[in-house]
N, C-alpha and C. Protein backbone atom coordinates (compact mmCIF):
# COMPACT_ATOMS: atom_id res chain seq x y z
N UNK A 1 57.50 -63.15 61.08
CA UNK A 1 58.03 -62.37 59.96
C UNK A 1 57.55 -60.93 60.10
N UNK A 2 58.49 -60.00 60.04
CA UNK A 2 58.13 -58.60 60.28
C UNK A 2 57.52 -57.97 59.03
N UNK A 3 56.60 -57.00 59.22
CA UNK A 3 55.96 -56.29 58.11
C UNK A 3 56.97 -55.36 57.43
N UNK A 4 56.82 -55.11 56.11
CA UNK A 4 57.73 -54.20 55.42
C UNK A 4 57.60 -52.80 56.00
N UNK A 5 58.67 -52.06 55.94
CA UNK A 5 58.62 -50.68 56.45
C UNK A 5 57.52 -49.89 55.78
N UNK A 6 56.90 -49.01 56.56
CA UNK A 6 55.79 -48.20 56.04
C UNK A 6 56.22 -47.37 54.84
N UNK A 7 57.46 -46.86 54.90
CA UNK A 7 57.94 -46.00 53.81
C UNK A 7 58.06 -46.73 52.50
N UNK A 8 58.51 -48.02 52.54
CA UNK A 8 58.66 -48.78 51.29
C UNK A 8 57.30 -49.10 50.68
N UNK A 9 56.27 -49.34 51.49
CA UNK A 9 54.91 -49.59 50.99
C UNK A 9 54.38 -48.35 50.27
N UNK A 10 54.59 -47.19 50.89
CA UNK A 10 54.12 -45.93 50.28
C UNK A 10 54.84 -45.66 48.97
N UNK A 11 56.16 -45.97 48.96
CA UNK A 11 56.95 -45.74 47.74
C UNK A 11 56.47 -46.63 46.61
N UNK A 12 56.13 -47.90 46.96
CA UNK A 12 55.64 -48.84 45.95
C UNK A 12 54.30 -48.37 45.38
N UNK A 13 53.41 -47.90 46.27
CA UNK A 13 52.12 -47.39 45.80
C UNK A 13 52.30 -46.19 44.89
N UNK A 14 53.24 -45.30 45.26
CA UNK A 14 53.50 -44.11 44.46
C UNK A 14 54.06 -44.49 43.09
N UNK A 15 54.92 -45.52 43.08
CA UNK A 15 55.49 -45.98 41.81
C UNK A 15 54.41 -46.52 40.88
N UNK A 16 53.48 -47.34 41.48
CA UNK A 16 52.39 -47.89 40.68
C UNK A 16 51.48 -46.79 40.14
N UNK A 17 51.26 -45.78 40.98
CA UNK A 17 50.41 -44.66 40.58
C UNK A 17 51.03 -43.89 39.42
N UNK A 18 52.37 -43.68 39.49
CA UNK A 18 53.05 -42.97 38.41
C UNK A 18 53.01 -43.77 37.12
N UNK A 19 53.16 -45.09 37.23
CA UNK A 19 53.11 -45.97 36.05
C UNK A 19 51.74 -45.91 35.39
N UNK A 20 50.69 -45.95 36.24
CA UNK A 20 49.32 -45.88 35.72
C UNK A 20 49.08 -44.53 35.04
N UNK A 21 49.55 -43.46 35.67
CA UNK A 21 49.37 -42.12 35.08
C UNK A 21 50.10 -42.01 33.75
N UNK A 22 51.29 -42.61 33.66
CA UNK A 22 52.07 -42.58 32.41
C UNK A 22 51.34 -43.34 31.32
N UNK A 23 50.75 -44.50 31.68
CA UNK A 23 50.01 -45.29 30.70
C UNK A 23 48.79 -44.53 30.20
N UNK A 24 48.06 -43.91 31.15
CA UNK A 24 46.88 -43.13 30.76
C UNK A 24 47.27 -41.94 29.89
N UNK A 25 48.40 -41.31 30.23
CA UNK A 25 48.87 -40.17 29.44
C UNK A 25 49.21 -40.62 28.01
N UNK A 26 49.86 -41.79 27.89
CA UNK A 26 50.22 -42.32 26.57
C UNK A 26 48.97 -42.61 25.74
N UNK A 27 47.97 -43.26 26.38
CA UNK A 27 46.72 -43.56 25.68
C UNK A 27 46.03 -42.27 25.22
N UNK A 28 46.03 -41.25 26.09
CA UNK A 28 45.41 -39.97 25.76
C UNK A 28 46.11 -39.31 24.57
N UNK A 29 47.45 -39.37 24.57
CA UNK A 29 48.22 -38.79 23.45
C UNK A 29 47.88 -39.49 22.14
N UNK A 30 47.80 -40.83 22.18
CA UNK A 30 47.46 -41.60 20.98
C UNK A 30 46.07 -41.24 20.48
N UNK A 31 45.10 -41.17 21.39
CA UNK A 31 43.72 -40.83 21.01
C UNK A 31 43.64 -39.44 20.40
N UNK A 32 44.32 -38.46 21.03
CA UNK A 32 44.32 -37.10 20.51
C UNK A 32 44.98 -37.05 19.14
N UNK A 33 46.12 -37.76 18.99
CA UNK A 33 46.83 -37.77 17.71
C UNK A 33 45.97 -38.36 16.61
N UNK A 34 45.27 -39.48 16.92
CA UNK A 34 44.38 -40.09 15.93
C UNK A 34 43.23 -39.15 15.58
N UNK A 35 42.69 -38.50 16.60
CA UNK A 35 41.60 -37.56 16.36
C UNK A 35 42.02 -36.41 15.47
N UNK A 36 43.22 -35.88 15.74
CA UNK A 36 43.74 -34.78 14.90
C UNK A 36 43.99 -35.25 13.47
N UNK A 37 44.53 -36.46 13.32
CA UNK A 37 44.79 -36.99 11.98
C UNK A 37 43.50 -37.15 11.19
N UNK A 38 42.46 -37.68 11.86
CA UNK A 38 41.17 -37.84 11.19
C UNK A 38 40.54 -36.50 10.86
N UNK A 39 40.68 -35.53 11.77
CA UNK A 39 40.13 -34.19 11.52
C UNK A 39 40.84 -33.51 10.36
N UNK A 40 42.16 -33.67 10.31
CA UNK A 40 42.93 -33.08 9.21
C UNK A 40 42.50 -33.68 7.88
N UNK A 41 42.32 -35.02 7.83
CA UNK A 41 41.88 -35.67 6.60
C UNK A 41 40.47 -35.24 6.21
N UNK A 42 39.62 -35.04 7.21
CA UNK A 42 38.23 -34.71 6.93
C UNK A 42 38.05 -33.28 6.46
N UNK A 43 38.87 -32.35 6.99
CA UNK A 43 38.62 -30.93 6.73
C UNK A 43 39.79 -30.15 6.15
N UNK A 44 41.01 -30.67 6.22
CA UNK A 44 42.16 -29.85 5.81
C UNK A 44 42.89 -30.46 4.62
N UNK A 45 43.60 -31.54 4.82
CA UNK A 45 44.39 -32.18 3.77
C UNK A 45 44.11 -33.67 3.76
N UNK A 46 43.88 -34.22 2.57
CA UNK A 46 43.58 -35.65 2.45
C UNK A 46 44.56 -36.30 1.47
N UNK A 47 45.18 -37.43 1.86
CA UNK A 47 46.02 -38.15 0.90
C UNK A 47 45.15 -38.91 -0.09
N UNK A 48 45.64 -39.06 -1.32
CA UNK A 48 44.86 -39.74 -2.35
C UNK A 48 45.81 -40.55 -3.23
N UNK A 49 45.45 -41.79 -3.50
CA UNK A 49 46.24 -42.68 -4.36
C UNK A 49 45.67 -42.69 -5.76
N UNK A 50 46.50 -42.50 -6.77
CA UNK A 50 46.04 -42.46 -8.16
C UNK A 50 45.61 -43.87 -8.57
N UNK A 51 44.32 -44.06 -8.93
CA UNK A 51 43.81 -45.41 -9.16
C UNK A 51 43.94 -45.91 -10.60
N UNK A 52 44.17 -45.01 -11.55
CA UNK A 52 44.16 -45.43 -12.96
C UNK A 52 45.17 -44.61 -13.75
N UNK A 53 45.29 -44.92 -15.04
CA UNK A 53 46.23 -44.21 -15.89
C UNK A 53 45.64 -43.01 -16.61
N UNK A 54 44.46 -42.54 -16.20
CA UNK A 54 43.79 -41.46 -16.93
C UNK A 54 44.49 -40.11 -16.83
N UNK A 55 45.41 -39.96 -15.84
CA UNK A 55 46.11 -38.68 -15.70
C UNK A 55 47.58 -38.78 -16.13
N UNK A 56 47.97 -39.89 -16.75
CA UNK A 56 49.33 -39.99 -17.26
C UNK A 56 49.50 -39.02 -18.45
N UNK A 57 50.68 -38.45 -18.66
CA UNK A 57 51.93 -38.69 -17.94
C UNK A 57 52.12 -37.85 -16.68
N UNK A 58 51.14 -37.03 -16.32
CA UNK A 58 51.29 -36.15 -15.14
C UNK A 58 51.33 -36.96 -13.85
N UNK A 59 50.40 -37.92 -13.72
CA UNK A 59 50.30 -38.75 -12.51
C UNK A 59 50.17 -40.21 -12.93
N UNK A 60 50.95 -41.06 -12.30
CA UNK A 60 50.97 -42.47 -12.65
C UNK A 60 50.16 -43.29 -11.65
N UNK A 61 49.77 -44.49 -12.08
CA UNK A 61 49.02 -45.40 -11.20
C UNK A 61 49.84 -45.66 -9.93
N UNK A 62 49.21 -45.53 -8.78
CA UNK A 62 49.85 -45.78 -7.51
C UNK A 62 50.55 -44.57 -6.91
N UNK A 63 50.68 -43.51 -7.69
CA UNK A 63 51.32 -42.30 -7.15
C UNK A 63 50.41 -41.69 -6.08
N UNK A 64 51.01 -41.06 -5.07
CA UNK A 64 50.23 -40.45 -3.98
C UNK A 64 50.30 -38.94 -4.06
N UNK A 65 49.16 -38.31 -3.81
CA UNK A 65 49.11 -36.85 -3.80
C UNK A 65 48.38 -36.38 -2.54
N UNK A 66 48.60 -35.12 -2.19
CA UNK A 66 47.86 -34.48 -1.11
C UNK A 66 46.82 -33.56 -1.71
N UNK A 67 45.63 -33.57 -1.11
CA UNK A 67 44.50 -32.80 -1.63
C UNK A 67 44.09 -31.74 -0.61
N UNK A 68 44.08 -30.49 -1.05
CA UNK A 68 43.69 -29.36 -0.21
C UNK A 68 42.16 -29.29 -0.14
N UNK A 69 41.62 -29.48 1.08
CA UNK A 69 40.17 -29.48 1.26
C UNK A 69 39.64 -28.15 1.78
N UNK A 70 40.52 -27.16 1.96
CA UNK A 70 40.12 -25.90 2.58
C UNK A 70 39.86 -24.80 1.56
N UNK A 71 40.81 -24.62 0.64
CA UNK A 71 40.77 -23.47 -0.27
C UNK A 71 39.48 -23.43 -1.08
N UNK A 72 38.95 -24.59 -1.43
CA UNK A 72 37.74 -24.63 -2.25
C UNK A 72 36.53 -24.00 -1.59
N UNK A 73 36.56 -23.87 -0.25
CA UNK A 73 35.44 -23.23 0.44
C UNK A 73 35.43 -21.71 0.24
N UNK A 74 36.56 -21.16 -0.21
CA UNK A 74 36.69 -19.71 -0.34
C UNK A 74 36.80 -19.24 -1.79
N UNK A 75 36.74 -20.18 -2.72
CA UNK A 75 36.82 -19.81 -4.14
C UNK A 75 36.60 -21.02 -5.02
N UNK A 76 36.52 -20.80 -6.30
CA UNK A 76 36.28 -21.88 -7.26
C UNK A 76 37.59 -22.36 -7.86
N UNK A 77 37.64 -23.65 -8.26
CA UNK A 77 38.81 -24.11 -8.99
C UNK A 77 38.90 -23.41 -10.35
N UNK A 78 40.09 -23.28 -10.86
CA UNK A 78 40.28 -22.62 -12.15
C UNK A 78 40.69 -23.60 -13.22
N UNK A 79 40.66 -23.17 -14.47
CA UNK A 79 41.11 -24.00 -15.57
C UNK A 79 42.56 -24.43 -15.31
N UNK A 80 42.83 -25.70 -15.48
CA UNK A 80 44.17 -26.21 -15.27
C UNK A 80 44.40 -26.84 -13.92
N UNK A 81 43.52 -26.59 -12.95
CA UNK A 81 43.67 -27.19 -11.63
C UNK A 81 43.37 -28.69 -11.70
N UNK A 82 44.11 -29.47 -10.93
CA UNK A 82 43.87 -30.91 -10.82
C UNK A 82 43.07 -31.14 -9.54
N UNK A 83 41.90 -31.74 -9.67
CA UNK A 83 41.01 -31.88 -8.52
C UNK A 83 40.54 -33.32 -8.32
N UNK A 84 40.22 -33.63 -7.07
CA UNK A 84 39.59 -34.91 -6.72
C UNK A 84 38.12 -34.62 -6.44
N UNK A 85 37.25 -35.49 -6.94
CA UNK A 85 35.81 -35.20 -6.87
C UNK A 85 35.00 -36.47 -6.99
N UNK A 86 33.71 -36.35 -6.67
CA UNK A 86 32.74 -37.41 -6.95
C UNK A 86 32.13 -37.13 -8.32
N UNK A 87 32.22 -38.06 -9.27
CA UNK A 87 31.59 -37.85 -10.58
C UNK A 87 30.09 -38.13 -10.51
N UNK A 88 29.37 -37.79 -11.57
CA UNK A 88 27.94 -38.13 -11.61
C UNK A 88 27.73 -39.64 -11.58
N UNK A 89 26.64 -40.06 -10.98
CA UNK A 89 26.31 -41.49 -10.92
C UNK A 89 26.14 -42.04 -12.33
N UNK A 90 26.70 -43.20 -12.57
CA UNK A 90 26.67 -43.80 -13.89
C UNK A 90 28.00 -43.71 -14.59
N UNK A 91 28.89 -42.82 -14.10
CA UNK A 91 30.20 -42.67 -14.72
C UNK A 91 31.03 -43.94 -14.59
N UNK A 92 30.75 -44.75 -13.56
CA UNK A 92 31.51 -45.96 -13.32
C UNK A 92 30.97 -47.16 -14.09
N UNK A 93 29.91 -46.97 -14.88
CA UNK A 93 29.29 -48.07 -15.63
C UNK A 93 29.76 -48.05 -17.08
N UNK A 94 29.38 -49.08 -17.81
CA UNK A 94 29.74 -49.17 -19.22
C UNK A 94 28.58 -48.80 -20.14
N UNK A 95 27.45 -48.41 -19.56
CA UNK A 95 26.29 -48.05 -20.35
C UNK A 95 26.25 -46.56 -20.66
N UNK A 96 25.07 -46.05 -20.93
CA UNK A 96 24.88 -44.62 -21.19
C UNK A 96 25.14 -43.85 -19.89
N UNK A 97 26.02 -42.85 -19.97
CA UNK A 97 26.45 -42.16 -18.76
C UNK A 97 25.95 -40.74 -18.67
N UNK A 98 25.62 -40.14 -19.78
CA UNK A 98 25.22 -38.73 -19.81
C UNK A 98 23.83 -38.56 -19.20
N UNK A 99 23.59 -37.39 -18.63
CA UNK A 99 22.30 -37.14 -17.99
C UNK A 99 21.19 -36.82 -18.97
N UNK A 100 21.53 -36.52 -20.23
CA UNK A 100 20.53 -36.21 -21.26
C UNK A 100 20.97 -36.87 -22.56
N UNK A 101 20.03 -37.13 -23.47
CA UNK A 101 20.43 -37.65 -24.78
C UNK A 101 21.31 -36.62 -25.50
N UNK A 102 22.31 -37.07 -26.24
CA UNK A 102 23.21 -36.15 -26.93
C UNK A 102 23.65 -36.75 -28.26
N UNK A 103 23.92 -35.91 -29.24
CA UNK A 103 24.44 -36.41 -30.51
C UNK A 103 25.89 -36.85 -30.36
N UNK A 104 26.37 -37.65 -31.29
CA UNK A 104 27.72 -38.22 -31.19
C UNK A 104 28.82 -37.19 -31.38
N UNK A 105 28.47 -35.99 -31.88
CA UNK A 105 29.49 -34.96 -32.11
C UNK A 105 29.51 -33.90 -31.01
N UNK A 106 28.93 -34.22 -29.86
CA UNK A 106 28.83 -33.25 -28.77
C UNK A 106 29.25 -33.90 -27.45
N UNK A 107 30.03 -33.15 -26.64
CA UNK A 107 30.35 -33.62 -25.29
C UNK A 107 29.08 -33.62 -24.45
N UNK A 108 29.04 -34.45 -23.43
CA UNK A 108 27.87 -34.50 -22.55
C UNK A 108 27.69 -33.14 -21.87
N UNK A 109 26.55 -32.47 -22.08
CA UNK A 109 26.37 -31.13 -21.52
C UNK A 109 25.85 -31.12 -20.08
N UNK A 110 25.21 -32.23 -19.66
CA UNK A 110 24.60 -32.29 -18.33
C UNK A 110 24.77 -33.71 -17.78
N UNK A 111 25.31 -33.81 -16.57
CA UNK A 111 25.46 -35.12 -15.94
C UNK A 111 24.18 -35.58 -15.27
N UNK A 112 24.19 -36.80 -14.75
CA UNK A 112 23.05 -37.29 -14.00
C UNK A 112 22.94 -36.50 -12.69
N UNK A 113 21.77 -36.50 -12.09
CA UNK A 113 21.52 -35.65 -10.92
C UNK A 113 22.16 -36.19 -9.65
N UNK A 114 22.32 -37.51 -9.56
CA UNK A 114 22.92 -38.11 -8.37
C UNK A 114 24.43 -38.23 -8.56
N UNK A 115 25.16 -38.26 -7.45
CA UNK A 115 26.60 -38.40 -7.53
C UNK A 115 27.00 -39.85 -7.23
N UNK A 116 28.14 -40.24 -7.78
CA UNK A 116 28.68 -41.57 -7.51
C UNK A 116 29.44 -41.55 -6.18
N UNK A 117 29.60 -42.70 -5.57
CA UNK A 117 30.33 -42.79 -4.30
C UNK A 117 31.84 -42.81 -4.51
N UNK A 118 32.28 -43.17 -5.71
CA UNK A 118 33.71 -43.27 -5.99
C UNK A 118 34.36 -41.89 -6.11
N UNK A 119 35.69 -41.85 -6.03
CA UNK A 119 36.45 -40.61 -6.21
C UNK A 119 37.25 -40.67 -7.50
N UNK A 120 37.21 -39.60 -8.29
CA UNK A 120 38.01 -39.47 -9.49
C UNK A 120 38.99 -38.32 -9.32
N UNK A 121 40.06 -38.33 -10.13
CA UNK A 121 40.98 -37.19 -10.18
C UNK A 121 41.18 -36.82 -11.66
N UNK A 122 40.93 -35.57 -11.97
CA UNK A 122 41.04 -35.06 -13.35
C UNK A 122 41.49 -33.60 -13.31
N UNK A 123 41.66 -33.04 -14.49
CA UNK A 123 42.03 -31.63 -14.61
C UNK A 123 40.81 -30.81 -15.04
N UNK A 124 40.63 -29.65 -14.43
CA UNK A 124 39.55 -28.75 -14.82
C UNK A 124 39.91 -28.12 -16.17
N UNK A 125 39.04 -28.32 -17.15
CA UNK A 125 39.28 -27.79 -18.50
C UNK A 125 38.42 -26.56 -18.77
N UNK A 126 37.21 -26.56 -18.22
CA UNK A 126 36.31 -25.43 -18.45
C UNK A 126 35.51 -25.17 -17.18
N UNK A 127 35.18 -23.90 -16.96
CA UNK A 127 34.48 -23.46 -15.74
C UNK A 127 33.08 -22.97 -16.12
N UNK A 128 32.25 -22.67 -15.13
CA UNK A 128 30.87 -22.25 -15.41
C UNK A 128 30.78 -21.13 -16.45
N UNK A 129 29.91 -21.34 -17.43
CA UNK A 129 29.69 -20.33 -18.47
C UNK A 129 30.60 -20.45 -19.67
N UNK A 130 31.65 -21.27 -19.58
CA UNK A 130 32.56 -21.45 -20.72
C UNK A 130 31.86 -22.18 -21.86
N UNK A 131 32.21 -21.79 -23.08
CA UNK A 131 31.77 -22.52 -24.27
C UNK A 131 32.90 -23.47 -24.68
N UNK A 132 32.56 -24.73 -24.89
CA UNK A 132 33.59 -25.76 -25.06
C UNK A 132 33.29 -26.68 -26.23
N UNK A 133 34.35 -27.02 -26.97
CA UNK A 133 34.29 -28.09 -27.96
C UNK A 133 35.64 -28.81 -27.95
N UNK A 134 35.67 -30.03 -28.47
CA UNK A 134 36.87 -30.84 -28.49
C UNK A 134 37.21 -31.18 -29.95
N UNK A 135 38.47 -30.93 -30.33
CA UNK A 135 38.94 -31.26 -31.67
C UNK A 135 40.29 -31.95 -31.55
N UNK A 136 40.37 -33.20 -32.07
CA UNK A 136 41.61 -33.98 -32.00
C UNK A 136 42.16 -34.05 -30.57
N UNK A 137 41.27 -34.17 -29.62
CA UNK A 137 41.60 -34.26 -28.19
C UNK A 137 42.11 -32.95 -27.60
N UNK A 138 42.10 -31.86 -28.37
CA UNK A 138 42.41 -30.54 -27.84
C UNK A 138 41.11 -29.89 -27.37
N UNK A 139 41.16 -29.20 -26.25
CA UNK A 139 39.99 -28.48 -25.74
C UNK A 139 40.02 -27.04 -26.24
N UNK A 140 38.92 -26.62 -26.85
CA UNK A 140 38.76 -25.23 -27.29
C UNK A 140 37.74 -24.58 -26.37
N UNK A 141 38.18 -23.57 -25.64
CA UNK A 141 37.32 -22.89 -24.68
C UNK A 141 37.12 -21.45 -25.12
N UNK A 142 35.84 -21.08 -25.29
CA UNK A 142 35.49 -19.74 -25.75
C UNK A 142 36.24 -19.38 -27.03
N UNK A 143 36.36 -20.38 -27.90
CA UNK A 143 36.96 -20.16 -29.21
C UNK A 143 38.46 -20.29 -29.26
N UNK A 144 39.13 -20.50 -28.12
CA UNK A 144 40.59 -20.57 -28.09
C UNK A 144 41.06 -21.95 -27.65
N UNK A 145 42.02 -22.49 -28.41
CA UNK A 145 42.60 -23.77 -28.03
C UNK A 145 43.42 -23.61 -26.76
N UNK A 146 43.17 -24.48 -25.78
CA UNK A 146 43.86 -24.40 -24.50
C UNK A 146 45.23 -25.08 -24.56
N UNK A 147 46.20 -24.52 -23.85
CA UNK A 147 47.54 -25.12 -23.77
C UNK A 147 47.42 -26.52 -23.18
N UNK A 148 48.07 -27.50 -23.79
CA UNK A 148 47.95 -28.88 -23.31
C UNK A 148 49.23 -29.67 -23.55
N UNK A 149 50.37 -28.99 -23.39
CA UNK A 149 51.64 -29.68 -23.56
C UNK A 149 51.87 -30.79 -22.57
N UNK A 150 51.12 -30.79 -21.48
CA UNK A 150 51.22 -31.82 -20.44
C UNK A 150 50.48 -33.09 -20.81
N UNK A 151 49.64 -33.05 -21.85
CA UNK A 151 48.70 -34.13 -22.13
C UNK A 151 49.23 -35.14 -23.14
N UNK A 152 48.70 -36.34 -23.05
CA UNK A 152 48.91 -37.38 -24.06
C UNK A 152 47.64 -37.39 -24.92
N UNK A 153 47.77 -37.03 -26.19
CA UNK A 153 46.59 -36.81 -27.04
C UNK A 153 46.20 -38.02 -27.88
N UNK A 154 46.93 -39.11 -27.79
CA UNK A 154 46.63 -40.30 -28.58
C UNK A 154 46.22 -41.44 -27.66
N UNK A 155 45.45 -42.41 -28.17
CA UNK A 155 44.88 -42.47 -29.51
C UNK A 155 43.62 -41.63 -29.63
N UNK A 156 43.13 -41.49 -30.84
CA UNK A 156 41.89 -40.75 -31.07
C UNK A 156 40.72 -41.73 -30.96
N UNK A 157 39.88 -41.53 -29.96
CA UNK A 157 38.74 -42.42 -29.73
C UNK A 157 37.44 -41.74 -30.17
N UNK A 158 36.31 -42.31 -29.77
CA UNK A 158 35.02 -41.75 -30.19
C UNK A 158 34.69 -40.42 -29.53
N UNK A 159 35.51 -39.98 -28.56
CA UNK A 159 35.26 -38.68 -27.94
C UNK A 159 36.40 -37.69 -28.20
N UNK A 160 37.26 -37.99 -29.18
CA UNK A 160 38.37 -37.06 -29.44
C UNK A 160 37.94 -35.92 -30.36
N UNK A 161 36.84 -36.09 -31.08
CA UNK A 161 36.30 -35.02 -31.92
C UNK A 161 34.84 -34.79 -31.58
N UNK A 162 34.61 -33.70 -30.86
CA UNK A 162 33.25 -33.31 -30.44
C UNK A 162 33.07 -31.84 -30.80
N UNK A 163 32.90 -31.54 -32.09
CA UNK A 163 32.92 -30.15 -32.56
C UNK A 163 31.68 -29.33 -32.23
N UNK A 164 30.58 -30.00 -31.86
CA UNK A 164 29.38 -29.24 -31.50
C UNK A 164 29.58 -28.62 -30.13
N UNK A 165 29.51 -27.32 -30.05
CA UNK A 165 29.85 -26.59 -28.83
C UNK A 165 28.78 -26.74 -27.74
N UNK A 166 29.25 -26.87 -26.50
CA UNK A 166 28.34 -26.86 -25.35
C UNK A 166 28.72 -25.70 -24.44
N UNK A 167 27.81 -25.34 -23.54
CA UNK A 167 28.09 -24.32 -22.53
C UNK A 167 28.04 -24.98 -21.16
N UNK A 168 29.10 -24.81 -20.38
CA UNK A 168 29.16 -25.42 -19.05
C UNK A 168 28.13 -24.74 -18.15
N UNK A 169 27.25 -25.51 -17.49
CA UNK A 169 26.19 -24.92 -16.66
C UNK A 169 26.74 -24.13 -15.47
N UNK A 170 25.96 -23.22 -14.92
CA UNK A 170 26.38 -22.47 -13.72
C UNK A 170 26.74 -23.41 -12.57
N UNK A 171 27.81 -23.09 -11.86
CA UNK A 171 28.20 -23.87 -10.69
C UNK A 171 28.79 -25.23 -10.99
N UNK A 172 29.14 -25.50 -12.27
CA UNK A 172 29.68 -26.80 -12.63
C UNK A 172 31.00 -26.66 -13.39
N UNK A 173 31.77 -27.76 -13.41
CA UNK A 173 33.12 -27.73 -13.96
C UNK A 173 33.34 -28.94 -14.85
N UNK A 174 33.96 -28.70 -16.01
CA UNK A 174 34.18 -29.74 -17.01
C UNK A 174 35.57 -30.32 -16.80
N UNK A 175 35.63 -31.65 -16.59
CA UNK A 175 36.88 -32.33 -16.25
C UNK A 175 37.36 -33.22 -17.39
N UNK A 176 38.68 -33.23 -17.60
CA UNK A 176 39.28 -34.17 -18.55
C UNK A 176 40.58 -34.72 -17.97
N UNK A 177 40.87 -35.98 -18.29
CA UNK A 177 42.14 -36.56 -17.89
C UNK A 177 43.25 -36.10 -18.82
N UNK A 178 44.47 -36.05 -18.30
CA UNK A 178 45.61 -35.66 -19.14
C UNK A 178 45.92 -36.72 -20.19
N UNK A 179 45.55 -37.96 -19.91
CA UNK A 179 45.71 -39.04 -20.88
C UNK A 179 44.48 -39.04 -21.78
N UNK A 180 44.37 -38.01 -22.62
CA UNK A 180 43.12 -37.72 -23.34
C UNK A 180 42.57 -38.89 -24.15
N UNK A 181 43.47 -39.70 -24.70
CA UNK A 181 43.00 -40.81 -25.53
C UNK A 181 42.51 -42.00 -24.74
N UNK A 182 42.77 -42.01 -23.42
CA UNK A 182 42.36 -43.15 -22.61
C UNK A 182 41.76 -42.70 -21.27
N UNK A 183 41.01 -41.64 -21.31
CA UNK A 183 40.38 -41.11 -20.10
C UNK A 183 38.87 -41.10 -20.24
N UNK A 184 38.21 -41.66 -19.24
CA UNK A 184 36.76 -41.59 -19.13
C UNK A 184 36.46 -40.35 -18.30
N UNK A 185 35.88 -39.31 -18.91
CA UNK A 185 35.76 -38.04 -18.20
C UNK A 185 34.48 -37.30 -18.57
N UNK A 186 34.47 -35.99 -18.36
CA UNK A 186 33.24 -35.20 -18.59
C UNK A 186 32.74 -35.27 -20.02
N UNK A 187 33.58 -35.63 -20.95
CA UNK A 187 33.10 -35.79 -22.33
C UNK A 187 32.00 -36.84 -22.39
N UNK A 188 32.12 -37.87 -21.53
CA UNK A 188 31.14 -38.95 -21.49
C UNK A 188 30.03 -38.72 -20.48
N UNK A 189 30.38 -38.19 -19.28
CA UNK A 189 29.38 -38.13 -18.21
C UNK A 189 29.07 -36.73 -17.71
N UNK A 190 29.59 -35.71 -18.37
CA UNK A 190 29.14 -34.35 -18.10
C UNK A 190 29.92 -33.59 -17.03
N UNK A 191 29.63 -32.31 -16.89
CA UNK A 191 30.29 -31.46 -15.90
C UNK A 191 29.94 -31.88 -14.47
N UNK A 192 30.76 -31.41 -13.52
CA UNK A 192 30.63 -31.80 -12.11
C UNK A 192 30.26 -30.59 -11.27
N UNK A 193 29.20 -30.68 -10.46
CA UNK A 193 28.85 -29.56 -9.56
C UNK A 193 29.96 -29.29 -8.56
N UNK A 194 30.13 -28.03 -8.19
CA UNK A 194 31.19 -27.67 -7.24
C UNK A 194 31.06 -28.43 -5.93
N UNK A 195 29.84 -28.67 -5.47
CA UNK A 195 29.64 -29.32 -4.17
C UNK A 195 30.14 -30.76 -4.17
N UNK A 196 30.40 -31.33 -5.35
CA UNK A 196 30.94 -32.69 -5.42
C UNK A 196 32.46 -32.71 -5.48
N UNK A 197 33.09 -31.54 -5.56
CA UNK A 197 34.55 -31.47 -5.60
C UNK A 197 35.10 -31.57 -4.19
N UNK A 198 35.99 -32.53 -3.97
CA UNK A 198 36.58 -32.75 -2.64
C UNK A 198 37.69 -31.76 -2.37
N UNK A 199 38.53 -31.51 -3.36
CA UNK A 199 39.62 -30.55 -3.17
C UNK A 199 40.61 -30.59 -4.32
N UNK A 200 41.59 -29.70 -4.25
CA UNK A 200 42.61 -29.59 -5.29
C UNK A 200 43.87 -30.35 -4.89
N UNK A 201 44.37 -31.17 -5.79
CA UNK A 201 45.64 -31.86 -5.57
C UNK A 201 46.77 -30.85 -5.76
N UNK A 202 47.63 -30.72 -4.76
CA UNK A 202 48.66 -29.67 -4.84
C UNK A 202 50.07 -30.18 -4.64
N UNK A 203 50.24 -31.43 -4.17
CA UNK A 203 51.58 -31.93 -3.88
C UNK A 203 51.60 -33.44 -4.03
N UNK A 204 52.66 -33.97 -4.63
CA UNK A 204 52.84 -35.42 -4.72
C UNK A 204 54.00 -35.84 -3.82
N UNK A 205 53.77 -36.85 -2.97
CA UNK A 205 54.76 -37.26 -1.99
C UNK A 205 55.27 -38.69 -2.17
N UNK A 206 54.74 -39.41 -3.14
CA UNK A 206 55.20 -40.77 -3.40
C UNK A 206 54.94 -41.12 -4.86
N UNK A 207 55.93 -41.76 -5.52
CA UNK A 207 57.22 -42.24 -5.05
C UNK A 207 58.21 -41.09 -4.83
N UNK A 208 59.32 -41.36 -4.13
CA UNK A 208 60.27 -40.29 -3.78
C UNK A 208 60.82 -39.54 -4.97
N UNK A 209 61.00 -40.22 -6.11
CA UNK A 209 61.59 -39.52 -7.26
C UNK A 209 60.62 -38.56 -7.95
N UNK A 210 59.37 -38.53 -7.48
CA UNK A 210 58.40 -37.60 -8.07
C UNK A 210 57.86 -36.58 -7.06
N UNK A 211 58.50 -36.49 -5.90
CA UNK A 211 58.06 -35.54 -4.88
C UNK A 211 58.11 -34.11 -5.43
N UNK A 212 57.04 -33.36 -5.20
CA UNK A 212 57.01 -31.97 -5.64
C UNK A 212 55.60 -31.44 -5.77
N UNK A 213 55.49 -30.17 -6.12
CA UNK A 213 54.19 -29.55 -6.29
C UNK A 213 53.60 -29.91 -7.65
N UNK A 214 52.30 -29.78 -7.76
CA UNK A 214 51.60 -30.06 -9.01
C UNK A 214 51.21 -28.76 -9.72
């Protein structure tokens, strides 16, 4: 039996080499793509799923939003911004959540020193140095009632009337859910340090009928 022609052997080796190179190239593309996706989530934009009804009617349970993780490094969030953040430790419990004892007519002025591992999404109501009180679930900042046509103000719970004024500490932000009557927020567990804020929610991409900017 005669040996195969030398040229056909070389061609077969070249074919195998090209196939191997193509496979390696595909694997490299996948690895790079995954790396870029993880880097984007870690430092640029992060998707976030709404876990509860505390931001209704603005955001519903299961709705998806994109969170800007970059802009916050160059400035502070402002009143009205919707942000994702780590709340103070204890916010996820049913016990006492505030970092200091407080009377029943006052919002929590200081949170616990440690942060919780969970992520919350709320609206910034007051910024560092603001004077704040709550009346009938309306936020009064520096003596002026804030616009809240986006909010659901009922029902009136034990934190809907907090007329004793507090001052938001330096470097911290007071958060409230748009579903004011059914939101566990800074009224109970205090303002949030800037370093615990993950980023600002700026776009909703799911479900399709709610796609748009926030």
